[in-house]
Amino acid sequence: MEDKTMDELQMMISGRLQKDGKEIVRVSFFREKAYADALLPDAVIEKSEGFSQAELVLLKEYLKENEQIIYEQAKTVNPLKKWMES
């Protein structure tokens, strides 16, 4: 992805969740009308629209390279606090 494209990319991280006895984090990437929904720790893109295959490969690489940082950020997510503030 070009630098301009990366500047326009936004990422949203869930809190830590349990699925099939494994701790997971959901990560969503957004850019204009494009989106990609992914799961860690497997760096699997579950759904996407508007990203090229090459961009999806880069997003998966990003997830793998930054997995520990993303898990640390997920520790700070409190969905009930956000919900109560709205």
C-alpha atoms as a PDB file:
ATOM      1  CA  MET A   1       0.000   0.000   0.000  1.00  0.00           C
ATOM      2  CA  GLU A   2       1.192   3.493  -0.732  1.00  0.00           C
ATOM      3  CA  ASP A   3       1.959   5.841   2.149  1.00  0.00           C
ATOM      4  CA  LYS A   4      -1.113   7.920   1.271  1.00  0.00           C
ATOM      5  CA  THR A   5      -3.318   4.838   1.529  1.00  0.00           C
ATOM      6  CA  MET A   6      -1.801   3.880   4.875  1.00  0.00           C
ATOM      7  CA  ASP A   7      -2.448   7.396   6.207  1.00  0.00           C
ATOM      8  CA  GLU A   8      -6.138   7.002   5.363  1.00  0.00           C
ATOM      9  CA  LEU A   9      -6.417   3.559   6.991  1.00  0.00           C
ATOM     10  CA  GLN A  10      -8.153   3.303  10.368  1.00  0.00           C
ATOM     11  CA  MET A  11      -8.064   0.328  12.715  1.00  0.00           C
ATOM     12  CA  MET A  12     -10.481  -0.701  15.449  1.00  0.00           C
ATOM     13  CA  ILE A  13      -9.566  -3.314  18.076  1.00  0.00           C
ATOM     14  CA  SER A  14     -11.974  -5.270  20.284  1.00  0.00           C
ATOM     15  CA  GLY A  15     -11.306  -6.264  23.849  1.00  0.00           C
ATOM     16  CA  ARG A  16      -9.920  -9.737  24.486  1.00  0.00           C
ATOM     17  CA  LEU A  17     -12.559 -12.384  23.834  1.00  0.00           C
ATOM     18  CA  GLN A  18     -12.822 -16.161  24.294  1.00  0.00           C
ATOM     19  CA  LYS A  19     -13.666 -18.395  21.338  1.00  0.00           C
ATOM     20  CA  ASP A  20     -13.330 -22.178  21.339  1.00  0.00           C
ATOM     21  CA  GLY A  21     -11.187 -21.989  24.484  1.00  0.00           C
ATOM     22  CA  LYS A  22      -8.755 -19.553  22.838  1.00  0.00           C
ATOM     23  CA  GLU A  23      -8.206 -15.867  23.562  1.00  0.00           C
ATOM     24  CA  ILE A  24      -8.879 -13.828  20.444  1.00  0.00           C
ATOM     25  CA  VAL A  25      -8.984 -10.188  19.410  1.00  0.00           C
ATOM     26  CA  ARG A  26     -11.108  -8.888  16.557  1.00  0.00           C
ATOM     27  CA  VAL A  27      -9.482  -6.227  14.396  1.00  0.00           C
ATOM     28  CA  SER A  28     -11.232  -4.154  11.744  1.00  0.00           C
ATOM     29  CA  PHE A  29      -9.531  -1.991   9.148  1.00  0.00           C
ATOM     30  CA  PHE A  30     -11.406   0.828   7.403  1.00  0.00           C
ATOM     31  CA  ARG A  31     -10.590   3.118   4.475  1.00  0.00           C
ATOM     32  CA  GLU A  32     -13.344   5.126   2.816  1.00  0.00           C
ATOM     33  CA  LYS A  33     -15.789   2.407   1.645  1.00  0.00           C
ATOM     34  CA  ALA A  34     -13.326  -0.480   2.105  1.00  0.00           C
ATOM     35  CA  TYR A  35     -13.206  -2.704   5.191  1.00  0.00           C
ATOM     36  CA  ALA A  36     -11.526  -5.867   6.403  1.00  0.00           C
ATOM     37  CA  ASP A  37     -12.467  -7.841   9.524  1.00  0.00           C
ATOM     38  CA  ALA A  38      -9.740 -10.031  10.994  1.00  0.00           C
ATOM     39  CA  LEU A  39      -9.053 -12.310  13.958  1.00  0.00           C
ATOM     40  CA  LEU A  40      -5.917 -12.709  16.016  1.00  0.00           C
ATOM     41  CA  PRO A  41      -3.958 -14.797  16.874  1.00  0.00           C
ATOM     42  CA  ASP A  42      -4.346 -16.492  13.483  1.00  0.00           C
ATOM     43  CA  ALA A  43      -4.295 -13.256  11.431  1.00  0.00           C
ATOM     44  CA  VAL A  44      -7.277 -14.523   9.432  1.00  0.00           C
ATOM     45  CA  ILE A  45      -9.252 -12.028   7.367  1.00  0.00           C
ATOM     46  CA  GLU A  46     -12.872 -13.162   7.859  1.00  0.00           C
ATOM     47  CA  LYS A  47     -14.565 -10.634   5.586  1.00  0.00           C
ATOM     48  CA  SER A  48     -13.406  -7.829   3.374  1.00  0.00           C
ATOM     49  CA  GLU A  49     -14.571  -5.520   0.652  1.00  0.00           C
ATOM     50  CA  GLY A  50     -12.722  -2.862  -1.304  1.00  0.00           C
ATOM     51  CA  PHE A  51      -9.156  -3.992  -0.514  1.00  0.00           C
ATOM     52  CA  SER A  52      -7.038  -5.658  -3.197  1.00  0.00           C
ATOM     53  CA  GLN A  53      -5.526  -9.102  -2.573  1.00  0.00           C
ATOM     54  CA  ALA A  54      -2.102  -7.458  -2.255  1.00  0.00           C
ATOM     55  CA  GLU A  55      -3.453  -5.077   0.405  1.00  0.00           C
ATOM     56  CA  LEU A  56      -5.031  -7.981   2.316  1.00  0.00           C
ATOM     57  CA  VAL A  57      -1.656  -9.743   2.345  1.00  0.00           C
ATOM     58  CA  LEU A  58      -0.090  -6.580   3.811  1.00  0.00           C
ATOM     59  CA  LEU A  59      -2.822  -6.338   6.452  1.00  0.00           C
ATOM     60  CA  LYS A  60      -2.213  -9.969   7.484  1.00  0.00           C
ATOM     61  CA  GLU A  61       1.526  -9.291   7.710  1.00  0.00           C
ATOM     62  CA  TYR A  62       0.825  -6.217   9.820  1.00  0.00           C
ATOM     63  CA  LEU A  63      -1.328  -8.281  12.184  1.00  0.00           C
ATOM     64  CA  LYS A  64       1.354 -10.949  12.575  1.00  0.00           C
ATOM     65  CA  GLU A  65       4.157  -8.438  13.129  1.00  0.00           C
ATOM     66  CA  ASN A  66       2.153  -6.377  15.649  1.00  0.00           C
ATOM     67  CA  GLU A  67       0.217  -9.139  17.421  1.00  0.00           C
ATOM     68  CA  GLN A  68       1.673  -8.460  20.885  1.00  0.00           C
ATOM     69  CA  ILE A  69       1.057  -4.707  20.625  1.00  0.00           C
ATOM     70  CA  ILE A  70      -2.523  -5.292  19.482  1.00  0.00           C
ATOM     71  CA  TYR A  71      -3.152  -7.713  22.371  1.00  0.00           C
ATOM     72  CA  GLU A  72      -1.790  -5.113  24.801  1.00  0.00           C
ATOM     73  CA  GLN A  73      -4.107  -2.465  23.333  1.00  0.00           C
ATOM     74  CA  ALA A  74      -7.020  -4.908  23.553  1.00  0.00           C
ATOM     75  CA  LYS A  75      -6.443  -5.133  27.328  1.00  0.00           C
ATOM     76  CA  THR A  76      -7.391  -1.464  27.623  1.00  0.00           C
ATOM     77  CA  VAL A  77     -10.673  -1.775  25.716  1.00  0.00           C
ATOM     78  CA  ASN A  78     -13.711  -1.561  27.962  1.00  0.00           C
ATOM     79  CA  PRO A  79     -16.848  -1.945  25.803  1.00  0.00           C
ATOM     80  CA  LEU A  80     -19.220  -1.335  28.738  1.00  0.00           C
ATOM     81  CA  LYS A  81     -17.592   2.021  29.469  1.00  0.00           C
ATOM     82  CA  LYS A  82     -17.981   3.110  25.834  1.00  0.00           C
ATOM     83  CA  TRP A  83     -21.586   1.914  25.795  1.00  0.00           C
ATOM     84  CA  MET A  84     -22.403   3.760  29.037  1.00  0.00           C
ATOM     85  CA  GLU A  85     -20.905   6.991  27.667  1.00  0.00           C
ATOM     86  CA  SER A  86     -23.211   7.038  24.642  1.00  0.00           C
END
